[in-house]
Amino acid sequence: VIASADLVFTSTSSTEPLLNRANLECTLTPNQPLMVFDIAVPRNV
């Protein structure tokens, strides 16, 4: 789903990050821009 998005908002109760460099690097093409807005604490990103 994120691979097809321009913007991502995260707001889960997870205590561990859901998004990181490794899984985004595998998902996005080198020139594919993405904005992520993380409003969770602990952070989801």
ModelCIF file with pLDDT and N, C-alpha, C, O atoms, coordinates in Angstrom:
data_MODEL
#
_entry.id   MODEL 
#
_entity.id                         1 
_entity.type                       polymer 
_entity.pdbx_number_of_molecules   1 
#
_entity_poly.entity_id                      1 
_entity_poly.type                           'polypeptide(L)' 
_entity_poly.nstd_linkage                   no 
_entity_poly.nstd_monomer                   no 
_entity_poly.pdbx_seq_one_letter_code       VIASADLVFTSTSSTEPLLNRANLECTLTPNQPLMVFDIAVPRNV 
_entity_poly.pdbx_seq_one_letter_code_can   VIASADLVFTSTSSTEPLLNRANLECTLTPNQPLMVFDIAVPRNV 
_entity_poly.pdbx_strand_id                 A 
#
loop_
_entity_poly_seq.entity_id 
_entity_poly_seq.num 
_entity_poly_seq.mon_id 
_entity_poly_seq.hetero 
1 1  VAL n 
1 2  ILE n 
1 3  ALA n 
1 4  SER n 
1 5  ALA n 
1 6  ASP n 
1 7  LEU n 
1 8  VAL n 
1 9  PHE n 
1 10 THR n 
1 11 SER n 
1 12 THR n 
1 13 SER n 
1 14 SER n 
1 15 THR n 
1 16 GLU n 
1 17 PRO n 
1 18 LEU n 
1 19 LEU n 
1 20 ASN n 
1 21 ARG n 
1 22 ALA n 
1 23 ASN n 
1 24 LEU n 
1 25 GLU n 
1 26 CYS n 
1 27 THR n 
1 28 LEU n 
1 29 THR n 
1 30 PRO n 
1 31 ASN n 
1 32 GLN n 
1 33 PRO n 
1 34 LEU n 
1 35 MET n 
1 36 VAL n 
1 37 PHE n 
1 38 ASP n 
1 39 ILE n 
1 40 ALA n 
1 41 VAL n 
1 42 PRO n 
1 43 ARG n 
1 44 ASN n 
1 45 VAL n 
#
_struct_asym.id          A 
_struct_asym.entity_id   1 
#
loop_
_ma_qa_metric.id 
_ma_qa_metric.mode 
_ma_qa_metric.name 
_ma_qa_metric.software_group_id 
_ma_qa_metric.type 
1 global pLDDT . pLDDT 
2 local  pLDDT . pLDDT 
#
_ma_qa_metric_global.metric_id      1 
_ma_qa_metric_global.metric_value   93.20 
_ma_qa_metric_global.model_id       1 
_ma_qa_metric_global.ordinal_id     1 
#
loop_
_ma_qa_metric_local.label_asym_id 
_ma_qa_metric_local.label_comp_id 
_ma_qa_metric_local.label_seq_id 
_ma_qa_metric_local.metric_id 
_ma_qa_metric_local.metric_value 
_ma_qa_metric_local.model_id 
_ma_qa_metric_local.ordinal_id 
A VAL 1  2 94.00 1 1  
A ILE 2  2 95.00 1 2  
A ALA 3  2 94.00 1 3  
A SER 4  2 94.00 1 4  
A ALA 5  2 94.00 1 5  
A ASP 6  2 95.00 1 6  
A LEU 7  2 96.00 1 7  
A VAL 8  2 96.00 1 8  
A PHE 9  2 96.00 1 9  
A THR 10 2 95.00 1 10 
A SER 11 2 92.00 1 11 
A THR 12 2 92.00 1 12 
A SER 13 2 88.00 1 13 
A SER 14 2 89.00 1 14 
A THR 15 2 87.00 1 15 
A GLU 16 2 90.00 1 16 
A PRO 17 2 93.00 1 17 
A LEU 18 2 94.00 1 18 
A LEU 19 2 95.00 1 19 
A ASN 20 2 95.00 1 20 
A ARG 21 2 95.00 1 21 
A ALA 22 2 95.00 1 22 
A ASN 23 2 94.00 1 23 
A LEU 24 2 95.00 1 24 
A GLU 25 2 93.00 1 25 
A CYS 26 2 93.00 1 26 
A THR 27 2 93.00 1 27 
A LEU 28 2 93.00 1 28 
A THR 29 2 91.00 1 29 
A PRO 30 2 88.00 1 30 
A ASN 31 2 89.00 1 31 
A GLN 32 2 92.00 1 32 
A PRO 33 2 94.00 1 33 
A LEU 34 2 95.00 1 34 
A MET 35 2 95.00 1 35 
A VAL 36 2 96.00 1 36 
A PHE 37 2 96.00 1 37 
A ASP 38 2 95.00 1 38 
A ILE 39 2 93.00 1 39 
A ALA 40 2 92.00 1 40 
A VAL 41 2 90.00 1 41 
A PRO 42 2 91.00 1 42 
A ARG 43 2 93.00 1 43 
A ASN 44 2 94.00 1 44 
A VAL 45 2 95.00 1 45 
#
loop_
_atom_site.group_PDB 
_atom_site.id 
_atom_site.type_symbol 
_atom_site.label_atom_id 
_atom_site.label_alt_id 
_atom_site.label_comp_id 
_atom_site.label_asym_id 
_atom_site.label_entity_id 
_atom_site.label_seq_id 
_atom_site.pdbx_PDB_ins_code 
_atom_site.Cartn_x 
_atom_site.Cartn_y 
_atom_site.Cartn_z 
_atom_site.occupancy 
_atom_site.B_iso_or_equiv 
_atom_site.pdbx_formal_charge 
_atom_site.auth_seq_id 
_atom_site.auth_comp_id 
_atom_site.auth_asym_id 
_atom_site.auth_atom_id 
_atom_site.pdbx_PDB_model_num 
ATOM 1   N N  . VAL A 1 1  ? 0.841  -1.203 0.000  1.00 94.00 ? 1  VAL A N  1 
ATOM 2   C CA . VAL A 1 1  ? 0.000  0.000  0.000  1.00 94.00 ? 1  VAL A CA 1 
ATOM 3   C C  . VAL A 1 1  ? 0.872  1.246  0.000  1.00 94.00 ? 1  VAL A C  1 
ATOM 4   O O  . VAL A 1 1  ? 0.594  2.204  -0.721 1.00 94.00 ? 1  VAL A O  1 
ATOM 5   N N  . ILE A 1 2  ? 1.929  1.234  0.811  1.00 95.00 ? 2  ILE A N  1 
ATOM 6   C CA . ILE A 1 2  ? 2.841  2.384  0.881  1.00 95.00 ? 2  ILE A CA 1 
ATOM 7   C C  . ILE A 1 2  ? 3.536  2.595  -0.457 1.00 95.00 ? 2  ILE A C  1 
ATOM 8   O O  . ILE A 1 2  ? 3.802  3.733  -0.844 1.00 95.00 ? 2  ILE A O  1 
ATOM 9   N N  . ALA A 1 3  ? 3.831  1.522  -1.157 1.00 94.00 ? 3  ALA A N  1 
ATOM 10  C CA . ALA A 1 3  ? 4.496  1.636  -2.467 1.00 94.00 ? 3  ALA A CA 1 
ATOM 11  C C  . ALA A 1 3  ? 3.649  2.413  -3.457 1.00 94.00 ? 3  ALA A C  1 
ATOM 12  O O  . ALA A 1 3  ? 4.170  2.982  -4.416 1.00 94.00 ? 3  ALA A O  1 
ATOM 13  N N  . SER A 1 4  ? 2.335  2.438  -3.225 1.00 94.00 ? 4  SER A N  1 
ATOM 14  C CA . SER A 1 4  ? 1.428  3.150  -4.138 1.00 94.00 ? 4  SER A CA 1 
ATOM 15  C C  . SER A 1 4  ? 0.994  4.503  -3.594 1.00 94.00 ? 4  SER A C  1 
ATOM 16  O O  . SER A 1 4  ? 0.112  5.143  -4.168 1.00 94.00 ? 4  SER A O  1 
ATOM 17  N N  . ALA A 1 5  ? 1.598  4.947  -2.499 1.00 94.00 ? 5  ALA A N  1 
ATOM 18  C CA . ALA A 1 5  ? 1.158  6.187  -1.845 1.00 94.00 ? 5  ALA A CA 1 
ATOM 19  C C  . ALA A 1 5  ? 2.159  7.321  -2.055 1.00 94.00 ? 5  ALA A C  1 
ATOM 20  O O  . ALA A 1 5  ? 3.343  7.101  -2.311 1.00 94.00 ? 5  ALA A O  1 
ATOM 21  N N  . ASP A 1 6  ? 1.632  8.549  -1.936 1.00 95.00 ? 6  ASP A N  1 
ATOM 22  C CA . ASP A 1 6  ? 2.487  9.735  -1.940 1.00 95.00 ? 6  ASP A CA 1 
ATOM 23  C C  . ASP A 1 6  ? 2.754  10.205 -0.509 1.00 95.00 ? 6  ASP A C  1 
ATOM 24  O O  . ASP A 1 6  ? 3.838  10.695 -0.193 1.00 95.00 ? 6  ASP A O  1 
ATOM 25  N N  . LEU A 1 7  ? 1.732  10.043 0.359  1.00 96.00 ? 7  LEU A N  1 
ATOM 26  C CA . LEU A 1 7  ? 1.839  10.444 1.754  1.00 96.00 ? 7  LEU A CA 1 
ATOM 27  C C  . LEU A 1 7  ? 1.428  9.281  2.642  1.00 96.00 ? 7  LEU A C  1 
ATOM 28  O O  . LEU A 1 7  ? 0.519  8.523  2.303  1.00 96.00 ? 7  LEU A O  1 
ATOM 29  N N  . VAL A 1 8  ? 2.096  9.143  3.776  1.00 96.00 ? 8  VAL A N  1 
ATOM 30  C CA . VAL A 1 8  ? 1.752  8.116  4.754  1.00 96.00 ? 8  VAL A CA 1 
ATOM 31  C C  . VAL A 1 8  ? 1.617  8.769  6.119  1.00 96.00 ? 8  VAL A C  1 
ATOM 32  O O  . VAL A 1 8  ? 2.503  9.506  6.551  1.00 96.00 ? 8  VAL A O  1 
ATOM 33  N N  . PHE A 1 9  ? 0.505  8.499  6.799  1.00 96.00 ? 9  PHE A N  1 
ATOM 34  C CA . PHE A 1 9  ? 0.313  8.917  8.190  1.00 96.00 ? 9  PHE A CA 1 
ATOM 35  C C  . PHE A 1 9  ? 0.312  7.650  9.054  1.00 96.00 ? 9  PHE A C  1 
ATOM 36  O O  . PHE A 1 9  ? -0.350 6.667  8.719  1.00 96.00 ? 9  PHE A O  1 
ATOM 37  N N  . THR A 1 10 ? 1.049  7.678  10.157 1.00 95.00 ? 10 THR A N  1 
ATOM 38  C CA . THR A 1 10 ? 1.065  6.528  11.055 1.00 95.00 ? 10 THR A CA 1 
ATOM 39  C C  . THR A 1 10 ? 0.564  6.945  12.435 1.00 95.00 ? 10 THR A C  1 
ATOM 40  O O  . THR A 1 10 ? 0.950  7.990  12.957 1.00 95.00 ? 10 THR A O  1 
ATOM 41  N N  . SER A 1 11 ? -0.308 6.108  13.024 1.00 92.00 ? 11 SER A N  1 
ATOM 42  C CA . SER A 1 11 ? -0.878 6.435  14.350 1.00 92.00 ? 11 SER A CA 1 
ATOM 43  C C  . SER A 1 11 ? -1.314 5.163  15.055 1.00 92.00 ? 11 SER A C  1 
ATOM 44  O O  . SER A 1 11 ? -2.472 5.037  15.455 1.00 92.00 ? 11 SER A O  1 
ATOM 45  N N  . THR A 1 12 ? -0.394 4.221  15.209 1.00 92.00 ? 12 THR A N  1 
ATOM 46  C CA . THR A 1 12 ? -0.731 2.973  15.883 1.00 92.00 ? 12 THR A CA 1 
ATOM 47  C C  . THR A 1 12 ? -0.155 2.965  17.300 1.00 92.00 ? 12 THR A C  1 
ATOM 48  O O  . THR A 1 12 ? 0.642  3.832  17.661 1.00 92.00 ? 12 THR A O  1 
ATOM 49  N N  . SER A 1 13 ? -0.566 1.983  18.090 1.00 88.00 ? 13 SER A N  1 
ATOM 50  C CA . SER A 1 13 ? -0.071 1.853  19.461 1.00 88.00 ? 13 SER A CA 1 
ATOM 51  C C  . SER A 1 13 ? 1.139  0.923  19.558 1.00 88.00 ? 13 SER A C  1 
ATOM 52  O O  . SER A 1 13 ? 1.534  0.520  20.652 1.00 88.00 ? 13 SER A O  1 
ATOM 53  N N  . SER A 1 14 ? 1.710  0.593  18.429 1.00 89.00 ? 14 SER A N  1 
ATOM 54  C CA . SER A 1 14 ? 2.874  -0.304 18.427 1.00 89.00 ? 14 SER A CA 1 
ATOM 55  C C  . SER A 1 14 ? 4.022  0.308  19.230 1.00 89.00 ? 14 SER A C  1 
ATOM 56  O O  . SER A 1 14 ? 4.283  1.508  19.146 1.00 89.00 ? 14 SER A O  1 
ATOM 57  N N  . THR A 1 15 ? 4.693  -0.525 19.999 1.00 87.00 ? 15 THR A N  1 
ATOM 58  C CA . THR A 1 15 ? 5.836  -0.048 20.791 1.00 87.00 ? 15 THR A CA 1 
ATOM 59  C C  . THR A 1 15 ? 7.142  -0.144 20.020 1.00 87.00 ? 15 THR A C  1 
ATOM 60  O O  . THR A 1 15 ? 8.183  0.303  20.502 1.00 87.00 ? 15 THR A O  1 
ATOM 61  N N  . GLU A 1 16 ? 7.097  -0.722 18.830 1.00 90.00 ? 16 GLU A N  1 
ATOM 62  C CA . GLU A 1 16 ? 8.277  -0.837 17.971 1.00 90.00 ? 16 GLU A CA 1 
ATOM 63  C C  . GLU A 1 16 ? 7.989  -0.169 16.632 1.00 90.00 ? 16 GLU A C  1 
ATOM 64  O O  . GLU A 1 16 ? 6.840  -0.170 16.189 1.00 90.00 ? 16 GLU A O  1 
ATOM 65  N N  . PRO A 1 17 ? 9.011  0.410  15.966 1.00 93.00 ? 17 PRO A N  1 
ATOM 66  C CA . PRO A 1 17 ? 8.790  1.051  14.660 1.00 93.00 ? 17 PRO A CA 1 
ATOM 67  C C  . PRO A 1 17 ? 8.252  0.060  13.625 1.00 93.00 ? 17 PRO A C  1 
ATOM 68  O O  . PRO A 1 17 ? 8.714  -1.078 13.541 1.00 93.00 ? 17 PRO A O  1 
ATOM 69  N N  . LEU A 1 18 ? 7.279  0.504  12.848 1.00 94.00 ? 18 LEU A N  1 
ATOM 70  C CA . LEU A 1 18 ? 6.734  -0.314 11.761 1.00 94.00 ? 18 LEU A CA 1 
ATOM 71  C C  . LEU A 1 18 ? 7.461  -0.049 10.457 1.00 94.00 ? 18 LEU A C  1 
ATOM 72  O O  . LEU A 1 18 ? 7.574  -0.925 9.599  1.00 94.00 ? 18 LEU A O  1 
ATOM 73  N N  . LEU A 1 19 ? 7.959  1.189  10.321 1.00 95.00 ? 19 LEU A N  1 
ATOM 74  C CA . LEU A 1 19 ? 8.684  1.571  9.106  1.00 95.00 ? 19 LEU A CA 1 
ATOM 75  C C  . LEU A 1 19 ? 10.109 1.933  9.474  1.00 95.00 ? 19 LEU A C  1 
ATOM 76  O O  . LEU A 1 19 ? 10.352 2.593  10.484 1.00 95.00 ? 19 LEU A O  1 
ATOM 77  N N  . ASN A 1 20 ? 11.049 1.500  8.650  1.00 95.00 ? 20 ASN A N  1 
ATOM 78  C CA . ASN A 1 20 ? 12.450 1.846  8.842  1.00 95.00 ? 20 ASN A CA 1 
ATOM 79  C C  . ASN A 1 20 ? 13.138 1.938  7.492  1.00 95.00 ? 20 ASN A C  1 
ATOM 80  O O  . ASN A 1 20 ? 12.526 1.699  6.451  1.00 95.00 ? 20 ASN A O  1 
ATOM 81  N N  . ARG A 1 21 ? 14.397 2.282  7.520  1.00 95.00 ? 21 ARG A N  1 
ATOM 82  C CA . ARG A 1 21 ? 15.130 2.454  6.262  1.00 95.00 ? 21 ARG A CA 1 
ATOM 83  C C  . ARG A 1 21 ? 15.127 1.162  5.444  1.00 95.00 ? 21 ARG A C  1 
ATOM 84  O O  . ARG A 1 21 ? 14.953 1.196  4.226  1.00 95.00 ? 21 ARG A O  1 
ATOM 85  N N  . ALA A 1 22 ? 15.319 0.037  6.107  1.00 95.00 ? 22 ALA A N  1 
ATOM 86  C CA . ALA A 1 22 ? 15.464 -1.236 5.398  1.00 95.00 ? 22 ALA A CA 1 
ATOM 87  C C  . ALA A 1 22 ? 14.198 -1.592 4.619  1.00 95.00 ? 22 ALA A C  1 
ATOM 88  O O  . ALA A 1 22 ? 14.270 -1.911 3.433  1.00 95.00 ? 22 ALA A O  1 
ATOM 89  N N  . ASN A 1 23 ? 13.014 -1.538 5.294  1.00 94.00 ? 23 ASN A N  1 
ATOM 90  C CA . ASN A 1 23 ? 11.813 -1.974 4.560  1.00 94.00 ? 23 ASN A CA 1 
ATOM 91  C C  . ASN A 1 23 ? 11.347 -0.938 3.545  1.00 94.00 ? 23 ASN A C  1 
ATOM 92  O O  . ASN A 1 23 ? 10.723 -1.303 2.548  1.00 94.00 ? 23 ASN A O  1 
ATOM 93  N N  . LEU A 1 24 ? 11.630 0.337  3.769  1.00 95.00 ? 24 LEU A N  1 
ATOM 94  C CA . LEU A 1 24 ? 11.278 1.341  2.762  1.00 95.00 ? 24 LEU A CA 1 
ATOM 95  C C  . LEU A 1 24 ? 12.223 1.280  1.563  1.00 95.00 ? 24 LEU A C  1 
ATOM 96  O O  . LEU A 1 24 ? 11.804 1.483  0.424  1.00 95.00 ? 24 LEU A O  1 
ATOM 97  N N  . GLU A 1 25 ? 13.471 1.004  1.821  1.00 93.00 ? 25 GLU A N  1 
ATOM 98  C CA . GLU A 1 25 ? 14.457 0.917  0.730  1.00 93.00 ? 25 GLU A CA 1 
ATOM 99  C C  . GLU A 1 25 ? 14.109 -0.223 -0.203 1.00 93.00 ? 25 GLU A C  1 
ATOM 100 O O  . GLU A 1 25 ? 14.331 -0.137 -1.411 1.00 93.00 ? 25 GLU A O  1 
ATOM 101 N N  . CYS A 1 26 ? 13.558 -1.301 0.362  1.00 93.00 ? 26 CYS A N  1 
ATOM 102 C CA . CYS A 1 26 ? 13.148 -2.441 -0.462 1.00 93.00 ? 26 CYS A CA 1 
ATOM 103 C C  . CYS A 1 26 ? 11.845 -2.179 -1.199 1.00 93.00 ? 26 CYS A C  1 
ATOM 104 O O  . CYS A 1 26 ? 11.545 -2.849 -2.187 1.00 93.00 ? 26 CYS A O  1 
ATOM 105 N N  . THR A 1 27 ? 11.075 -1.220 -0.733 1.00 93.00 ? 27 THR A N  1 
ATOM 106 C CA . THR A 1 27 ? 9.741  -0.965 -1.282 1.00 93.00 ? 27 THR A CA 1 
ATOM 107 C C  . THR A 1 27 ? 9.734  0.131  -2.345 1.00 93.00 ? 27 THR A C  1 
ATOM 108 O O  . THR A 1 27 ? 9.053  0.010  -3.362 1.00 93.00 ? 27 THR A O  1 
ATOM 109 N N  . LEU A 1 28 ? 10.491 1.196  -2.108 1.00 93.00 ? 28 LEU A N  1 
ATOM 110 C CA . LEU A 1 28 ? 10.475 2.357  -2.994 1.00 93.00 ? 28 LEU A CA 1 
ATOM 111 C C  . LEU A 1 28 ? 11.545 2.248  -4.075 1.00 93.00 ? 28 LEU A C  1 
ATOM 112 O O  . LEU A 1 28 ? 12.616 1.685  -3.849 1.00 93.00 ? 28 LEU A O  1 
ATOM 113 N N  . THR A 1 29 ? 11.245 2.790  -5.241 1.00 91.00 ? 29 THR A N  1 
ATOM 114 C CA . THR A 1 29 ? 12.270 2.912  -6.271 1.00 91.00 ? 29 THR A CA 1 
ATOM 115 C C  . THR A 1 29 ? 13.184 4.078  -5.906 1.00 91.00 ? 29 THR A C  1 
ATOM 116 O O  . THR A 1 29 ? 12.771 4.954  -5.145 1.00 91.00 ? 29 THR A O  1 
ATOM 117 N N  . PRO A 1 30 ? 14.404 4.118  -6.419 1.00 88.00 ? 30 PRO A N  1 
ATOM 118 C CA . PRO A 1 30 ? 15.359 5.165  -6.010 1.00 88.00 ? 30 PRO A CA 1 
ATOM 119 C C  . PRO A 1 30 ? 14.854 6.592  -6.190 1.00 88.00 ? 30 PRO A C  1 
ATOM 120 O O  . PRO A 1 30 ? 15.259 7.485  -5.445 1.00 88.00 ? 30 PRO A O  1 
ATOM 121 N N  . ASN A 1 31 ? 13.983 6.819  -7.158 1.00 89.00 ? 31 ASN A N  1 
ATOM 122 C CA . ASN A 1 31 ? 13.510 8.182  -7.423 1.00 89.00 ? 31 ASN A CA 1 
ATOM 123 C C  . ASN A 1 31 ? 12.054 8.397  -6.999 1.00 89.00 ? 31 ASN A C  1 
ATOM 124 O O  . ASN A 1 31 ? 11.427 9.383  -7.386 1.00 89.00 ? 31 ASN A O  1 
ATOM 125 N N  . GLN A 1 32 ? 11.532 7.477  -6.212 1.00 92.00 ? 32 GLN A N  1 
ATOM 126 C CA . GLN A 1 32 ? 10.134 7.582  -5.805 1.00 92.00 ? 32 GLN A CA 1 
ATOM 127 C C  . GLN A 1 32 ? 10.017 8.369  -4.508 1.00 92.00 ? 32 GLN A C  1 
ATOM 128 O O  . GLN A 1 32 ? 10.428 7.872  -3.459 1.00 92.00 ? 32 GLN A O  1 
ATOM 129 N N  . PRO A 1 33 ? 9.462  9.600  -4.543 1.00 94.00 ? 33 PRO A N  1 
ATOM 130 C CA . PRO A 1 33 ? 9.369  10.412 -3.325 1.00 94.00 ? 33 PRO A CA 1 
ATOM 131 C C  . PRO A 1 33 ? 8.247  9.924  -2.399 1.00 94.00 ? 33 PRO A C  1 
ATOM 132 O O  . PRO A 1 33 ? 7.228  9.399  -2.849 1.00 94.00 ? 33 PRO A O  1 
ATOM 133 N N  . LEU A 1 34 ? 8.469  10.113 -1.099 1.00 95.00 ? 34 LEU A N  1 
ATOM 134 C CA . LEU A 1 34 ? 7.461  9.730  -0.120 1.00 95.00 ? 34 LEU A CA 1 
ATOM 135 C C  . LEU A 1 34 ? 7.571  10.643 1.090  1.00 95.00 ? 34 LEU A C  1 
ATOM 136 O O  . LEU A 1 34 ? 8.668  10.914 1.578  1.00 95.00 ? 34 LEU A O  1 
ATOM 137 N N  . MET A 1 35 ? 6.435  11.111 1.566  1.00 95.00 ? 35 MET A N  1 
ATOM 138 C CA . MET A 1 35 ? 6.376  11.866 2.815  1.00 95.00 ? 35 MET A CA 1 
ATOM 139 C C  . MET A 1 35 ? 5.678  11.029 3.872  1.00 95.00 ? 35 MET A C  1 
ATOM 140 O O  . MET A 1 35 ? 4.630  10.433 3.626  1.00 95.00 ? 35 MET A O  1 
ATOM 141 N N  . VAL A 1 36 ? 6.283  10.998 5.060  1.00 96.00 ? 36 VAL A N  1 
ATOM 142 C CA . VAL A 1 36 ? 5.740  10.209 6.157  1.00 96.00 ? 36 VAL A CA 1 
ATOM 143 C C  . VAL A 1 36 ? 5.493  11.124 7.353  1.00 96.00 ? 36 VAL A C  1 
ATOM 144 O O  . VAL A 1 36 ? 6.389  11.852 7.780  1.00 96.00 ? 36 VAL A O  1 
ATOM 145 N N  . PHE A 1 37 ? 4.272  11.083 7.894  1.00 96.00 ? 37 PHE A N  1 
ATOM 146 C CA . PHE A 1 37 ? 3.907  11.901 9.053  1.00 96.00 ? 37 PHE A CA 1 
ATOM 147 C C  . PHE A 1 37 ? 3.548  10.942 10.194 1.00 96.00 ? 37 PHE A C  1 
ATOM 148 O O  . PHE A 1 37 ? 2.494  10.305 10.181 1.00 96.00 ? 37 PHE A O  1 
ATOM 149 N N  . ASP A 1 38 ? 4.425  10.857 11.154 1.00 95.00 ? 38 ASP A N  1 
ATOM 150 C CA . ASP A 1 38 ? 4.268  9.926  12.271 1.00 95.00 ? 38 ASP A CA 1 
ATOM 151 C C  . ASP A 1 38 ? 3.768  10.695 13.492 1.00 95.00 ? 38 ASP A C  1 
ATOM 152 O O  . ASP A 1 38 ? 4.503  11.496 14.069 1.00 95.00 ? 38 ASP A O  1 
ATOM 153 N N  . ILE A 1 39 ? 2.509  10.447 13.887 1.00 93.00 ? 39 ILE A N  1 
ATOM 154 C CA . ILE A 1 39 ? 1.951  11.172 15.039 1.00 93.00 ? 39 ILE A CA 1 
ATOM 155 C C  . ILE A 1 39 ? 1.744  10.224 16.226 1.00 93.00 ? 39 ILE A C  1 
ATOM 156 O O  . ILE A 1 39 ? 0.928  10.488 17.109 1.00 93.00 ? 39 ILE A O  1 
ATOM 157 N N  . ALA A 1 40 ? 2.488  9.128  16.234 1.00 92.00 ? 40 ALA A N  1 
ATOM 158 C CA . ALA A 1 40 ? 2.394  8.167  17.336 1.00 92.00 ? 40 ALA A CA 1 
ATOM 159 C C  . ALA A 1 40 ? 3.559  8.345  18.299 1.00 92.00 ? 40 ALA A C  1 
ATOM 160 O O  . ALA A 1 40 ? 4.653  8.747  17.902 1.00 92.00 ? 40 ALA A O  1 
ATOM 161 N N  . VAL A 1 41 ? 3.309  8.039  19.570 1.00 90.00 ? 41 VAL A N  1 
ATOM 162 C CA . VAL A 1 41 ? 4.356  7.972  20.597 1.00 90.00 ? 41 VAL A CA 1 
ATOM 163 C C  . VAL A 1 41 ? 4.061  6.742  21.444 1.00 90.00 ? 41 VAL A C  1 
ATOM 164 O O  . VAL A 1 41 ? 3.022  6.686  22.101 1.00 90.00 ? 41 VAL A O  1 
ATOM 165 N N  . PRO A 1 42 ? 4.972  5.734  21.442 1.00 91.00 ? 42 PRO A N  1 
ATOM 166 C CA . PRO A 1 42 ? 6.268  5.670  20.764 1.00 91.00 ? 42 PRO A CA 1 
ATOM 167 C C  . PRO A 1 42 ? 6.115  5.770  19.247 1.00 91.00 ? 42 PRO A C  1 
ATOM 168 O O  . PRO A 1 42 ? 5.063  5.460  18.689 1.00 91.00 ? 42 PRO A O  1 
ATOM 169 N N  . ARG A 1 43 ? 7.183  6.208  18.602 1.00 93.00 ? 43 ARG A N  1 
ATOM 170 C CA . ARG A 1 43 ? 7.127  6.443  17.171 1.00 93.00 ? 43 ARG A CA 1 
ATOM 171 C C  . ARG A 1 43 ? 6.929  5.147  16.390 1.00 93.00 ? 43 ARG A C  1 
ATOM 172 O O  . ARG A 1 43 ? 7.458  4.094  16.748 1.00 93.00 ? 43 ARG A O  1 
ATOM 173 N N  . ASN A 1 44 ? 6.143  5.257  15.300 1.00 94.00 ? 44 ASN A N  1 
ATOM 174 C CA . ASN A 1 44 ? 5.949  4.130  14.387 1.00 94.00 ? 44 ASN A CA 1 
ATOM 175 C C  . ASN A 1 44 ? 6.992  4.105  13.278 1.00 94.00 ? 44 ASN A C  1 
ATOM 176 O O  . ASN A 1 44 ? 7.109  3.122  12.546 1.00 94.00 ? 44 ASN A O  1 
ATOM 177 N N  . VAL A 1 45 ? 7.754  5.200  13.159 1.00 95.00 ? 45 VAL A N  1 
ATOM 178 C CA . VAL A 1 45 ? 8.722  5.336  12.071 1.00 95.00 ? 45 VAL A CA 1 
ATOM 179 C C  . VAL A 1 45 ? 10.106 5.564  12.655 1.00 95.00 ? 45 VAL A C  1 
ATOM 180 O O  . VAL A 1 45 ? 11.075 5.705  11.910 1.00 95.00 ? 45 VAL A O  1 
#
